[in-house]
Amino acid sequence: MHMQKEPAVDYYHGTAVIDPYRWLENLSAEETRAWIRAQSQATQVYFGQIPFTHAIRTALQANWDYPRSSVPKKRGTRFFFSRNDGLQQQSVLYMQRGLLASPELLLDPNTLSTDGTVALRETFLSMDGTLLAYGLSRKGSDWLELRIRQLDANQDLPETLHRWRGSTVAWQPDNTGFYYSRYPDPETVAAEDQTYFNRVYWHRLGTSQTDDQLVFEQPEAKECR
């Protein structure tokens, strides 16, 4: 499917480079969502006509059906790893308070939505292993919700950070907060610029994102990621 749109033209060293799909970078636009839905429908119809699709799916499922765990990470005196029983849609995050301790379930992304459309995409542990910043994607979106969990209490802090696409979170050693980067609020830039002008901010735990301190920006570098 192709929806007629005016192509974007960029000039590099005097050469015009035409991009007919630049308008798809505006992920929140209804036209973009309609295009994605149409592409998905066309794909499902095509695969539905292939007689051996079910056989391939069955063979792949048989090969994937085995328990597996990730390589552990050590933070402070604690160990962190993910585990999948073989057929779970997403791996589950666990913590051990020592090599001989029993694993504790920290976060099961399979329970975050009834239809499986919320995915755990990023995890960033504090240096002492008591705090977790994690990013959630809804319905496959590249725009993530950044949340913070106190691991001993197994409870999220009240703030949720937005306009974030999974860039690195750098924890302060004293756990007062972290540095991260985010994109401008939609109402402050043109629709085609919503995925540009990334800036670094400082977030103090327990405060609203609107209070975050701008640490670094390069207004002249539009594509700074």
N, C-alpha and C. Protein backbone atom coordinates (compact mmCIF):
# COMPACT_ATOMS: atom_id res chain seq x y z
N MET A 1 0.84 -1.19 0.00
CA MET A 1 0.00 0.00 0.00
C MET A 1 0.88 1.24 0.00
N HIS A 2 0.52 2.24 -0.79
CA HIS A 2 1.27 3.50 -0.81
C HIS A 2 0.29 4.66 -0.79
N MET A 3 0.40 5.48 0.22
CA MET A 3 -0.43 6.67 0.33
C MET A 3 0.34 7.84 -0.28
N GLN A 4 -0.30 8.58 -1.16
CA GLN A 4 0.37 9.66 -1.85
C GLN A 4 0.70 10.79 -0.88
N LYS A 5 1.98 11.12 -0.78
CA LYS A 5 2.46 12.20 0.07
C LYS A 5 3.55 12.96 -0.67
N GLU A 6 3.68 14.22 -0.33
CA GLU A 6 4.77 15.00 -0.91
C GLU A 6 6.10 14.47 -0.38
N PRO A 7 7.02 14.10 -1.26
CA PRO A 7 8.31 13.57 -0.78
C PRO A 7 9.16 14.66 -0.17
N ALA A 8 9.98 14.27 0.81
CA ALA A 8 10.96 15.19 1.40
C ALA A 8 12.23 15.14 0.56
N VAL A 9 12.88 16.27 0.45
CA VAL A 9 14.11 16.35 -0.35
C VAL A 9 15.21 16.93 0.52
N ASP A 10 16.32 16.21 0.64
CA ASP A 10 17.51 16.69 1.34
C ASP A 10 18.63 16.83 0.32
N TYR A 11 19.50 17.81 0.56
CA TYR A 11 20.62 18.05 -0.34
C TYR A 11 21.92 17.75 0.38
N TYR A 12 22.69 16.84 -0.16
CA TYR A 12 23.99 16.47 0.39
C TYR A 12 25.06 16.75 -0.65
N HIS A 13 25.89 17.73 -0.35
CA HIS A 13 26.99 18.12 -1.25
C HIS A 13 26.47 18.42 -2.65
N GLY A 14 25.31 19.09 -2.68
CA GLY A 14 24.74 19.48 -3.96
C GLY A 14 23.89 18.44 -4.65
N THR A 15 23.77 17.27 -4.07
CA THR A 15 22.97 16.18 -4.65
C THR A 15 21.65 16.06 -3.92
N ALA A 16 20.56 16.07 -4.67
CA ALA A 16 19.22 15.95 -4.08
C ALA A 16 18.91 14.49 -3.79
N VAL A 17 18.53 14.18 -2.54
CA VAL A 17 18.14 12.83 -2.13
C VAL A 17 16.68 12.88 -1.74
N ILE A 18 15.85 12.15 -2.47
CA ILE A 18 14.40 12.18 -2.25
C ILE A 18 13.99 11.06 -1.31
N ASP A 19 13.18 11.40 -0.31
CA ASP A 19 12.67 10.43 0.66
C ASP A 19 11.14 10.48 0.63
N PRO A 20 10.49 9.55 -0.07
CA PRO A 20 9.03 9.59 -0.18
C PRO A 20 8.29 9.14 1.07
N TYR A 21 9.03 8.61 2.06
CA TYR A 21 8.37 8.08 3.25
C TYR A 21 8.74 8.84 4.53
N ARG A 22 9.24 10.05 4.40
CA ARG A 22 9.60 10.83 5.59
C ARG A 22 8.39 11.07 6.50
N TRP A 23 7.22 11.17 5.91
CA TRP A 23 6.01 11.43 6.70
C TRP A 23 5.70 10.31 7.68
N LEU A 24 6.24 9.10 7.45
CA LEU A 24 6.00 7.99 8.36
C LEU A 24 6.76 8.13 9.67
N GLU A 25 7.69 9.09 9.75
CA GLU A 25 8.43 9.29 10.99
C GLU A 25 7.57 9.93 12.07
N ASN A 26 6.42 10.49 11.68
CA ASN A 26 5.48 11.03 12.67
C ASN A 26 4.59 9.89 13.15
N LEU A 27 5.07 9.19 14.18
CA LEU A 27 4.42 7.95 14.63
C LEU A 27 3.05 8.18 15.26
N SER A 28 2.79 9.38 15.74
CA SER A 28 1.51 9.65 16.40
C SER A 28 0.42 10.08 15.42
N ALA A 29 0.77 10.32 14.17
CA ALA A 29 -0.22 10.76 13.18
C ALA A 29 -1.15 9.61 12.80
N GLU A 30 -2.42 9.90 12.62
CA GLU A 30 -3.39 8.88 12.27
C GLU A 30 -3.09 8.28 10.89
N GLU A 31 -2.54 9.10 9.98
CA GLU A 31 -2.18 8.59 8.67
C GLU A 31 -1.10 7.52 8.77
N THR A 32 -0.13 7.73 9.68
CA THR A 32 0.91 6.72 9.89
C THR A 32 0.32 5.45 10.47
N ARG A 33 -0.54 5.59 11.46
CA ARG A 33 -1.17 4.41 12.08
C ARG A 33 -2.01 3.64 11.06
N ALA A 34 -2.73 4.37 10.21
CA ALA A 34 -3.54 3.71 9.18
C ALA A 34 -2.65 2.95 8.21
N TRP A 35 -1.50 3.52 7.85
CA TRP A 35 -0.56 2.85 6.95
C TRP A 35 -0.03 1.57 7.58
N ILE A 36 0.30 1.62 8.87
CA ILE A 36 0.81 0.44 9.58
C ILE A 36 -0.25 -0.65 9.64
N ARG A 37 -1.49 -0.25 9.95
CA ARG A 37 -2.57 -1.24 10.00
C ARG A 37 -2.78 -1.90 8.64
N ALA A 38 -2.72 -1.11 7.58
CA ALA A 38 -2.92 -1.66 6.24
C ALA A 38 -1.79 -2.61 5.86
N GLN A 39 -0.55 -2.25 6.21
CA GLN A 39 0.59 -3.12 5.91
C GLN A 39 0.47 -4.44 6.68
N SER A 40 0.07 -4.35 7.95
CA SER A 40 -0.08 -5.56 8.77
C SER A 40 -1.17 -6.47 8.20
N GLN A 41 -2.27 -5.87 7.80
CA GLN A 41 -3.36 -6.66 7.23
C GLN A 41 -2.93 -7.34 5.94
N ALA A 42 -2.23 -6.61 5.07
CA ALA A 42 -1.76 -7.19 3.81
C ALA A 42 -0.80 -8.35 4.06
N THR A 43 0.06 -8.20 5.08
CA THR A 43 1.02 -9.26 5.42
C THR A 43 0.30 -10.51 5.91
N GLN A 44 -0.70 -10.33 6.79
CA GLN A 44 -1.43 -11.48 7.31
C GLN A 44 -2.19 -12.21 6.20
N VAL A 45 -2.76 -11.46 5.27
CA VAL A 45 -3.48 -12.09 4.15
C VAL A 45 -2.51 -12.91 3.30
N TYR A 46 -1.32 -12.36 3.05
CA TYR A 46 -0.33 -13.07 2.23
C TYR A 46 0.12 -14.37 2.89
N PHE A 47 0.49 -14.27 4.19
CA PHE A 47 0.95 -15.48 4.87
C PHE A 47 -0.18 -16.49 5.05
N GLY A 48 -1.41 -16.01 5.16
CA GLY A 48 -2.54 -16.91 5.31
C GLY A 48 -2.78 -17.76 4.09
N GLN A 49 -2.25 -17.35 2.95
CA GLN A 49 -2.44 -18.11 1.71
C GLN A 49 -1.35 -19.14 1.47
N ILE A 50 -0.32 -19.13 2.31
CA ILE A 50 0.77 -20.09 2.15
C ILE A 50 0.41 -21.38 2.89
N PRO A 51 0.31 -22.51 2.23
CA PRO A 51 -0.20 -23.73 2.86
C PRO A 51 0.70 -24.29 3.96
N PHE A 52 2.01 -24.01 3.92
CA PHE A 52 2.91 -24.62 4.91
C PHE A 52 3.27 -23.64 6.04
N THR A 53 2.55 -22.52 6.17
CA THR A 53 2.83 -21.57 7.25
C THR A 53 2.67 -22.23 8.62
N HIS A 54 1.59 -23.02 8.79
CA HIS A 54 1.36 -23.67 10.08
C HIS A 54 2.48 -24.66 10.41
N ALA A 55 2.95 -25.39 9.41
CA ALA A 55 4.03 -26.35 9.64
C ALA A 55 5.31 -25.65 10.08
N ILE A 56 5.60 -24.51 9.47
CA ILE A 56 6.79 -23.75 9.87
C ILE A 56 6.64 -23.25 11.30
N ARG A 57 5.46 -22.73 11.63
CA ARG A 57 5.23 -22.23 12.99
C ARG A 57 5.38 -23.36 14.01
N THR A 58 4.86 -24.53 13.70
CA THR A 58 4.95 -25.67 14.61
C THR A 58 6.40 -26.10 14.81
N ALA A 59 7.18 -26.12 13.73
CA ALA A 59 8.58 -26.53 13.83
C ALA A 59 9.39 -25.51 14.65
N LEU A 60 9.14 -24.23 14.41
CA LEU A 60 9.85 -23.19 15.17
C LEU A 60 9.50 -23.27 16.66
N GLN A 61 8.23 -23.47 16.95
CA GLN A 61 7.80 -23.56 18.35
C GLN A 61 8.47 -24.74 19.05
N ALA A 62 8.62 -25.85 18.36
CA ALA A 62 9.28 -27.02 18.94
C ALA A 62 10.75 -26.72 19.24
N ASN A 63 11.40 -25.96 18.36
CA ASN A 63 12.81 -25.61 18.58
C ASN A 63 12.99 -24.59 19.69
N TRP A 64 11.98 -23.74 19.90
CA TRP A 64 12.07 -22.71 20.94
C TRP A 64 11.65 -23.21 22.31
N ASP A 65 11.02 -24.36 22.38
CA ASP A 65 10.41 -24.84 23.62
C ASP A 65 11.45 -25.50 24.52
N TYR A 66 12.30 -24.66 25.14
CA TYR A 66 13.25 -25.16 26.13
C TYR A 66 13.56 -24.04 27.11
N PRO A 67 13.78 -24.36 28.37
CA PRO A 67 14.08 -23.32 29.38
C PRO A 67 15.43 -22.68 29.10
N ARG A 68 15.54 -21.37 29.34
CA ARG A 68 16.79 -20.66 29.13
C ARG A 68 16.89 -19.46 30.07
N SER A 69 18.12 -19.11 30.37
CA SER A 69 18.39 -17.99 31.26
C SER A 69 19.47 -17.11 30.65
N SER A 70 19.46 -15.85 31.02
CA SER A 70 20.49 -14.92 30.55
C SER A 70 21.74 -15.02 31.43
N VAL A 71 22.81 -14.40 31.01
CA VAL A 71 24.02 -14.30 31.82
C VAL A 71 23.74 -13.36 33.00
N PRO A 72 24.06 -13.74 34.23
CA PRO A 72 23.76 -12.88 35.38
C PRO A 72 24.58 -11.60 35.37
N LYS A 73 23.99 -10.54 35.94
CA LYS A 73 24.68 -9.28 36.19
C LYS A 73 24.80 -9.09 37.69
N LYS A 74 25.96 -8.63 38.14
CA LYS A 74 26.17 -8.39 39.57
C LYS A 74 26.14 -6.88 39.84
N ARG A 75 25.29 -6.49 40.77
CA ARG A 75 25.21 -5.11 41.22
C ARG A 75 25.24 -5.12 42.75
N GLY A 76 26.30 -4.54 43.30
CA GLY A 76 26.46 -4.64 44.74
C GLY A 76 26.70 -6.09 45.11
N THR A 77 25.89 -6.61 46.03
CA THR A 77 25.99 -8.02 46.44
C THR A 77 24.91 -8.88 45.78
N ARG A 78 24.20 -8.31 44.84
CA ARG A 78 23.05 -8.99 44.25
C ARG A 78 23.35 -9.43 42.81
N PHE A 79 22.63 -10.46 42.38
CA PHE A 79 22.75 -10.98 41.02
C PHE A 79 21.39 -10.88 40.33
N PHE A 80 21.41 -10.50 39.05
CA PHE A 80 20.18 -10.31 38.29
C PHE A 80 20.27 -11.09 36.99
N PHE A 81 19.16 -11.70 36.61
CA PHE A 81 19.12 -12.46 35.36
C PHE A 81 17.67 -12.60 34.92
N SER A 82 17.49 -12.95 33.66
CA SER A 82 16.15 -13.21 33.14
C SER A 82 16.03 -14.70 32.82
N ARG A 83 14.81 -15.19 32.87
CA ARG A 83 14.56 -16.61 32.65
C ARG A 83 13.27 -16.77 31.85
N ASN A 84 13.28 -17.76 30.93
CA ASN A 84 12.10 -18.07 30.13
C ASN A 84 11.88 -19.57 30.17
N ASP A 85 10.65 -20.00 30.44
CA ASP A 85 10.39 -21.43 30.55
C ASP A 85 10.36 -22.13 29.20
N GLY A 86 10.46 -21.37 28.13
CA GLY A 86 10.48 -21.95 26.79
C GLY A 86 9.41 -21.41 25.89
N LEU A 87 8.22 -21.17 26.44
CA LEU A 87 7.11 -20.69 25.62
C LEU A 87 6.54 -19.38 26.13
N GLN A 88 7.17 -18.77 27.10
CA GLN A 88 6.71 -17.47 27.55
C GLN A 88 6.99 -16.42 26.48
N GLN A 89 6.06 -15.53 26.28
CA GLN A 89 6.23 -14.50 25.26
C GLN A 89 7.42 -13.60 25.58
N GLN A 90 7.60 -13.29 26.87
CA GLN A 90 8.73 -12.47 27.30
C GLN A 90 9.41 -13.13 28.49
N SER A 91 10.72 -12.93 28.57
CA SER A 91 11.47 -13.47 29.70
C SER A 91 11.15 -12.68 30.98
N VAL A 92 11.29 -13.36 32.11
CA VAL A 92 10.95 -12.79 33.42
C VAL A 92 12.25 -12.40 34.14
N LEU A 93 12.25 -11.25 34.80
CA LEU A 93 13.44 -10.75 35.49
C LEU A 93 13.46 -11.23 36.94
N TYR A 94 14.62 -11.78 37.37
CA TYR A 94 14.80 -12.29 38.72
C TYR A 94 16.01 -11.65 39.39
N MET A 95 16.02 -11.75 40.74
CA MET A 95 17.15 -11.26 41.53
C MET A 95 17.51 -12.31 42.58
N GLN A 96 18.82 -12.46 42.84
CA GLN A 96 19.31 -13.27 43.96
C GLN A 96 20.17 -12.40 44.86
N ARG A 97 19.92 -12.47 46.17
CA ARG A 97 20.66 -11.66 47.13
C ARG A 97 21.97 -12.32 47.55
N GLY A 98 22.53 -13.13 46.68
CA GLY A 98 23.76 -13.86 46.92
C GLY A 98 23.76 -15.12 46.09
N LEU A 99 24.93 -15.74 45.94
CA LEU A 99 25.03 -16.92 45.08
C LEU A 99 24.19 -18.09 45.56
N LEU A 100 24.00 -18.21 46.88
CA LEU A 100 23.28 -19.35 47.44
C LEU A 100 21.83 -19.03 47.76
N ALA A 101 21.40 -17.79 47.52
CA ALA A 101 20.03 -17.39 47.83
C ALA A 101 19.06 -17.90 46.77
N SER A 102 17.80 -17.96 47.12
CA SER A 102 16.77 -18.36 46.17
C SER A 102 16.41 -17.18 45.26
N PRO A 103 16.13 -17.43 43.99
CA PRO A 103 15.74 -16.35 43.08
C PRO A 103 14.42 -15.71 43.51
N GLU A 104 14.36 -14.38 43.40
CA GLU A 104 13.15 -13.63 43.68
C GLU A 104 12.65 -13.01 42.38
N LEU A 105 11.37 -13.17 42.10
CA LEU A 105 10.78 -12.59 40.91
C LEU A 105 10.67 -11.08 41.08
N LEU A 106 11.27 -10.34 40.14
CA LEU A 106 11.22 -8.89 40.21
C LEU A 106 10.17 -8.29 39.28
N LEU A 107 10.15 -8.78 38.05
CA LEU A 107 9.26 -8.17 37.06
C LEU A 107 8.90 -9.19 35.99
N ASP A 108 7.60 -9.46 35.87
CA ASP A 108 7.11 -10.38 34.85
C ASP A 108 6.35 -9.57 33.81
N PRO A 109 6.98 -9.25 32.68
CA PRO A 109 6.30 -8.42 31.69
C PRO A 109 5.10 -9.09 31.04
N ASN A 110 4.98 -10.41 31.19
CA ASN A 110 3.83 -11.11 30.62
C ASN A 110 2.53 -10.76 31.33
N THR A 111 2.62 -10.19 32.51
CA THR A 111 1.42 -9.85 33.28
C THR A 111 1.05 -8.37 33.15
N LEU A 112 1.79 -7.62 32.34
CA LEU A 112 1.56 -6.17 32.26
C LEU A 112 0.36 -5.80 31.39
N SER A 113 -0.10 -6.72 30.56
CA SER A 113 -1.30 -6.48 29.76
C SER A 113 -1.97 -7.80 29.46
N THR A 114 -3.27 -7.76 29.29
CA THR A 114 -4.01 -9.00 29.04
C THR A 114 -3.83 -9.51 27.62
N ASP A 115 -3.49 -8.60 26.69
CA ASP A 115 -3.35 -9.01 25.28
C ASP A 115 -1.90 -9.11 24.83
N GLY A 116 -0.94 -8.96 25.76
CA GLY A 116 0.46 -9.13 25.43
C GLY A 116 1.06 -8.00 24.62
N THR A 117 0.43 -6.82 24.63
CA THR A 117 0.92 -5.71 23.81
C THR A 117 1.83 -4.76 24.57
N VAL A 118 2.14 -5.06 25.84
CA VAL A 118 3.10 -4.25 26.59
C VAL A 118 4.38 -5.07 26.74
N ALA A 119 5.50 -4.51 26.28
CA ALA A 119 6.77 -5.23 26.27
C ALA A 119 7.80 -4.53 27.13
N LEU A 120 8.59 -5.33 27.84
CA LEU A 120 9.74 -4.80 28.58
C LEU A 120 10.90 -4.69 27.61
N ARG A 121 11.38 -3.45 27.36
CA ARG A 121 12.39 -3.25 26.33
C ARG A 121 13.77 -2.92 26.91
N GLU A 122 13.83 -2.23 28.03
CA GLU A 122 15.12 -1.80 28.57
C GLU A 122 15.13 -1.94 30.09
N THR A 123 16.29 -2.29 30.67
CA THR A 123 16.47 -2.34 32.12
C THR A 123 17.83 -1.73 32.47
N PHE A 124 17.83 -0.89 33.52
CA PHE A 124 19.06 -0.23 33.98
C PHE A 124 19.08 -0.27 35.50
N LEU A 125 20.02 -1.03 36.06
CA LEU A 125 20.12 -1.22 37.49
C LEU A 125 21.04 -0.17 38.11
N SER A 126 20.69 0.28 39.32
CA SER A 126 21.58 1.16 40.05
C SER A 126 22.83 0.39 40.47
N MET A 127 23.87 1.11 40.85
CA MET A 127 25.15 0.48 41.14
C MET A 127 25.07 -0.49 42.32
N ASP A 128 24.19 -0.22 43.28
CA ASP A 128 24.09 -1.11 44.43
C ASP A 128 22.99 -2.16 44.28
N GLY A 129 22.27 -2.14 43.15
CA GLY A 129 21.26 -3.15 42.88
C GLY A 129 19.98 -2.99 43.66
N THR A 130 19.68 -1.80 44.15
CA THR A 130 18.44 -1.60 44.91
C THR A 130 17.37 -0.88 44.10
N LEU A 131 17.73 -0.34 42.94
CA LEU A 131 16.78 0.40 42.11
C LEU A 131 16.88 -0.07 40.66
N LEU A 132 15.75 -0.04 39.99
CA LEU A 132 15.69 -0.46 38.60
C LEU A 132 14.92 0.57 37.79
N ALA A 133 15.55 1.12 36.76
CA ALA A 133 14.84 1.92 35.76
C ALA A 133 14.54 1.00 34.58
N TYR A 134 13.30 0.99 34.14
CA TYR A 134 12.94 0.08 33.05
C TYR A 134 11.99 0.75 32.07
N GLY A 135 12.11 0.35 30.81
CA GLY A 135 11.32 0.95 29.74
C GLY A 135 10.28 -0.01 29.20
N LEU A 136 9.05 0.48 29.05
CA LEU A 136 7.94 -0.32 28.53
C LEU A 136 7.49 0.23 27.18
N SER A 137 7.25 -0.67 26.26
CA SER A 137 6.72 -0.32 24.94
C SER A 137 5.28 -0.82 24.85
N ARG A 138 4.40 0.01 24.32
CA ARG A 138 3.01 -0.38 24.12
C ARG A 138 2.72 -0.54 22.64
N LYS A 139 2.22 -1.71 22.28
CA LYS A 139 1.81 -2.02 20.91
C LYS A 139 2.95 -1.81 19.91
N GLY A 140 4.16 -2.17 20.33
CA GLY A 140 5.29 -2.12 19.43
C GLY A 140 5.88 -0.75 19.19
N SER A 141 5.45 0.24 19.93
CA SER A 141 5.92 1.60 19.71
C SER A 141 7.38 1.76 20.11
N ASP A 142 8.11 2.62 19.37
CA ASP A 142 9.48 2.98 19.74
C ASP A 142 9.51 3.98 20.89
N TRP A 143 8.39 4.61 21.18
CA TRP A 143 8.31 5.53 22.32
C TRP A 143 8.06 4.71 23.58
N LEU A 144 8.96 4.82 24.54
CA LEU A 144 8.89 4.00 25.74
C LEU A 144 8.49 4.83 26.95
N GLU A 145 7.84 4.17 27.91
CA GLU A 145 7.59 4.75 29.23
C GLU A 145 8.75 4.33 30.14
N LEU A 146 9.38 5.29 30.75
CA LEU A 146 10.50 5.00 31.65
C LEU A 146 9.99 5.04 33.09
N ARG A 147 10.08 3.91 33.78
CA ARG A 147 9.60 3.80 35.16
C ARG A 147 10.75 3.42 36.08
N ILE A 148 10.55 3.63 37.38
CA ILE A 148 11.58 3.34 38.38
C ILE A 148 10.97 2.47 39.47
N ARG A 149 11.64 1.36 39.79
CA ARG A 149 11.14 0.44 40.82
C ARG A 149 12.14 0.33 41.97
N GLN A 150 11.62 0.45 43.19
CA GLN A 150 12.41 0.17 44.39
C GLN A 150 12.33 -1.33 44.63
N LEU A 151 13.46 -2.02 44.52
CA LEU A 151 13.43 -3.47 44.48
C LEU A 151 13.14 -4.11 45.83
N ASP A 152 13.63 -3.53 46.92
CA ASP A 152 13.35 -4.14 48.22
C ASP A 152 11.87 -4.05 48.57
N ALA A 153 11.23 -2.94 48.19
CA ALA A 153 9.80 -2.79 48.44
C ALA A 153 8.96 -3.38 47.31
N ASN A 154 9.63 -3.73 46.18
CA ASN A 154 8.94 -4.23 44.99
C ASN A 154 7.79 -3.30 44.60
N GLN A 155 8.11 -2.01 44.53
CA GLN A 155 7.09 -1.00 44.27
C GLN A 155 7.66 0.09 43.37
N ASP A 156 6.85 0.53 42.41
CA ASP A 156 7.28 1.60 41.51
C ASP A 156 7.11 2.96 42.18
N LEU A 157 8.03 3.86 41.86
CA LEU A 157 7.88 5.25 42.27
C LEU A 157 6.74 5.88 41.45
N PRO A 158 6.16 6.97 41.94
CA PRO A 158 4.97 7.51 41.27
C PRO A 158 5.22 8.11 39.89
N GLU A 159 6.46 8.56 39.62
CA GLU A 159 6.69 9.25 38.34
C GLU A 159 6.90 8.27 37.19
N THR A 160 6.43 8.68 36.01
CA THR A 160 6.68 7.98 34.76
C THR A 160 7.24 9.00 33.78
N LEU A 161 8.36 8.67 33.12
CA LEU A 161 9.00 9.59 32.20
C LEU A 161 8.65 9.22 30.76
N HIS A 162 8.41 10.25 29.95
CA HIS A 162 7.98 10.06 28.57
C HIS A 162 8.96 10.73 27.60
N ARG A 163 8.62 10.67 26.31
CA ARG A 163 9.46 11.22 25.23
C ARG A 163 10.85 10.58 25.23
N TRP A 164 10.89 9.31 25.53
CA TRP A 164 12.13 8.54 25.67
C TRP A 164 12.07 7.36 24.72
N ARG A 165 13.23 7.01 24.12
CA ARG A 165 13.25 5.93 23.14
C ARG A 165 14.31 4.88 23.46
N GLY A 166 14.64 4.74 24.74
CA GLY A 166 15.50 3.63 25.14
C GLY A 166 16.96 3.95 25.22
N SER A 167 17.35 5.22 25.21
CA SER A 167 18.76 5.56 25.36
C SER A 167 19.24 5.23 26.77
N THR A 168 20.54 5.26 26.99
CA THR A 168 21.14 4.82 28.24
C THR A 168 20.68 5.65 29.43
N VAL A 169 20.46 4.98 30.54
CA VAL A 169 20.20 5.62 31.83
C VAL A 169 21.45 5.45 32.69
N ALA A 170 21.99 6.57 33.18
CA ALA A 170 23.22 6.55 33.98
C ALA A 170 22.89 6.95 35.42
N TRP A 171 22.92 5.98 36.33
CA TRP A 171 22.56 6.21 37.72
C TRP A 171 23.66 6.98 38.45
N GLN A 172 23.23 7.90 39.31
CA GLN A 172 24.14 8.54 40.24
C GLN A 172 24.51 7.54 41.34
N PRO A 173 25.77 7.47 41.76
CA PRO A 173 26.17 6.46 42.76
C PRO A 173 25.39 6.54 44.07
N ASP A 174 24.90 7.73 44.45
CA ASP A 174 24.16 7.85 45.71
C ASP A 174 22.66 7.58 45.56
N ASN A 175 22.23 7.15 44.35
CA ASN A 175 20.84 6.78 44.09
C ASN A 175 19.85 7.94 44.19
N THR A 176 20.33 9.17 44.10
CA THR A 176 19.42 10.31 44.15
C THR A 176 18.70 10.51 42.81
N GLY A 177 19.23 9.93 41.75
CA GLY A 177 18.61 10.09 40.45
C GLY A 177 19.51 9.56 39.35
N PHE A 178 19.20 9.94 38.11
CA PHE A 178 19.99 9.45 36.99
C PHE A 178 19.93 10.45 35.83
N TYR A 179 20.87 10.28 34.90
CA TYR A 179 20.89 11.05 33.66
C TYR A 179 20.26 10.20 32.55
N TYR A 180 19.51 10.85 31.68
CA TYR A 180 18.90 10.16 30.55
C TYR A 180 18.67 11.20 29.45
N SER A 181 18.33 10.76 28.27
CA SER A 181 18.04 11.70 27.19
C SER A 181 16.61 11.49 26.70
N ARG A 182 16.00 12.60 26.28
CA ARG A 182 14.64 12.52 25.76
C ARG A 182 14.46 13.55 24.65
N TYR A 183 13.37 13.36 23.90
CA TYR A 183 13.05 14.23 22.77
C TYR A 183 12.08 15.33 23.20
N PRO A 184 11.99 16.41 22.42
CA PRO A 184 11.13 17.53 22.80
C PRO A 184 9.66 17.13 22.88
N ASP A 185 8.91 17.89 23.66
CA ASP A 185 7.46 17.69 23.73
C ASP A 185 6.85 17.99 22.36
N PRO A 186 5.84 17.22 21.93
CA PRO A 186 5.29 17.38 20.58
C PRO A 186 4.84 18.79 20.25
N GLU A 187 4.30 19.49 21.25
CA GLU A 187 3.77 20.82 20.98
C GLU A 187 4.85 21.89 20.80
N THR A 188 6.12 21.52 21.04
CA THR A 188 7.21 22.50 20.95
C THR A 188 7.98 22.42 19.64
N VAL A 189 7.71 21.40 18.82
CA VAL A 189 8.42 21.24 17.55
C VAL A 189 7.44 20.86 16.45
N ALA A 190 7.86 21.01 15.22
CA ALA A 190 7.04 20.59 14.08
C ALA A 190 6.87 19.07 14.10
N ALA A 191 5.80 18.59 13.49
CA ALA A 191 5.49 17.16 13.51
C ALA A 191 6.63 16.32 12.96
N GLU A 192 7.30 16.82 11.91
CA GLU A 192 8.37 16.04 11.30
C GLU A 192 9.66 16.08 12.12
N ASP A 193 9.71 16.88 13.17
CA ASP A 193 10.92 17.00 13.99
C ASP A 193 10.80 16.32 15.36
N GLN A 194 9.77 15.51 15.55
CA GLN A 194 9.54 14.93 16.87
C GLN A 194 10.55 13.86 17.25
N THR A 195 11.29 13.34 16.28
CA THR A 195 12.32 12.34 16.59
C THR A 195 13.72 12.93 16.42
N TYR A 196 13.83 14.25 16.55
CA TYR A 196 15.12 14.93 16.46
C TYR A 196 15.33 15.80 17.71
N PHE A 197 16.51 16.41 17.80
CA PHE A 197 16.86 17.32 18.88
C PHE A 197 16.81 16.63 20.25
N ASN A 198 17.43 15.46 20.33
CA ASN A 198 17.51 14.73 21.59
C ASN A 198 18.38 15.51 22.59
N ARG A 199 17.96 15.55 23.87
CA ARG A 199 18.66 16.31 24.89
C ARG A 199 18.88 15.46 26.13
N VAL A 200 19.95 15.74 26.86
CA VAL A 200 20.28 15.01 28.09
C VAL A 200 19.71 15.76 29.29
N TYR A 201 19.03 15.02 30.17
CA TYR A 201 18.41 15.59 31.37
C TYR A 201 18.87 14.85 32.62
N TRP A 202 18.75 15.54 33.75
CA TRP A 202 18.95 14.94 35.07
C TRP A 202 17.59 14.79 35.72
N HIS A 203 17.28 13.55 36.18
CA HIS A 203 16.02 13.30 36.89
C HIS A 203 16.31 12.93 38.33
N ARG A 204 15.73 13.68 39.26
CA ARG A 204 15.85 13.38 40.68
C ARG A 204 14.67 12.51 41.10
N LEU A 205 14.96 11.41 41.78
CA LEU A 205 13.91 10.47 42.17
C LEU A 205 12.85 11.17 43.02
N GLY A 206 11.60 10.79 42.77
CA GLY A 206 10.50 11.33 43.54
C GLY A 206 9.96 12.65 43.03
N THR A 207 10.48 13.14 41.89
CA THR A 207 10.03 14.41 41.34
C THR A 207 9.37 14.19 39.99
N SER A 208 8.63 15.20 39.54
CA SER A 208 7.96 15.13 38.25
C SER A 208 8.95 15.33 37.12
N GLN A 209 8.65 14.76 35.96
CA GLN A 209 9.51 14.95 34.79
C GLN A 209 9.59 16.42 34.40
N THR A 210 8.55 17.18 34.66
CA THR A 210 8.58 18.60 34.32
C THR A 210 9.63 19.37 35.11
N ASP A 211 10.12 18.77 36.20
CA ASP A 211 11.16 19.42 37.02
C ASP A 211 12.57 18.97 36.63
N ASP A 212 12.68 18.08 35.65
CA ASP A 212 14.01 17.58 35.26
C ASP A 212 14.88 18.72 34.74
N GLN A 213 16.15 18.64 35.05
CA GLN A 213 17.11 19.68 34.69
C GLN A 213 17.79 19.35 33.36
N LEU A 214 17.73 20.29 32.42
CA LEU A 214 18.43 20.13 31.15
C LEU A 214 19.93 20.23 31.40
N VAL A 215 20.67 19.20 30.98
CA VAL A 215 22.10 19.12 31.23
C VAL A 215 22.92 19.42 29.97
N PHE A 216 22.45 18.92 28.82
CA PHE A 216 23.24 19.08 27.60
C PHE A 216 22.32 19.05 26.39
N GLU A 217 22.59 19.95 25.45
CA GLU A 217 21.88 19.96 24.17
C GLU A 217 22.79 20.52 23.09
N GLN A 218 22.47 20.18 21.85
CA GLN A 218 23.18 20.71 20.69
C GLN A 218 22.14 21.17 19.67
N PRO A 219 21.62 22.39 19.83
CA PRO A 219 20.56 22.86 18.93
C PRO A 219 20.95 22.83 17.46
N GLU A 220 22.25 22.95 17.18
CA GLU A 220 22.71 22.95 15.80
C GLU A 220 22.82 21.54 15.24
N ALA A 221 22.75 20.52 16.10
CA ALA A 221 22.87 19.12 15.66
C ALA A 221 21.51 18.45 15.76
N LYS A 222 20.71 18.63 14.73
CA LYS A 222 19.34 18.14 14.71
C LYS A 222 19.23 16.65 14.95
N GLU A 223 20.17 15.89 14.38
CA GLU A 223 20.08 14.43 14.45
C GLU A 223 20.86 13.84 15.62
N CYS A 224 21.19 14.65 16.61
CA CYS A 224 21.88 14.14 17.79
C CYS A 224 20.99 13.13 18.49
N ARG A 225 21.49 11.90 18.67
CA ARG A 225 20.71 10.83 19.29
C ARG A 225 21.08 10.64 20.75
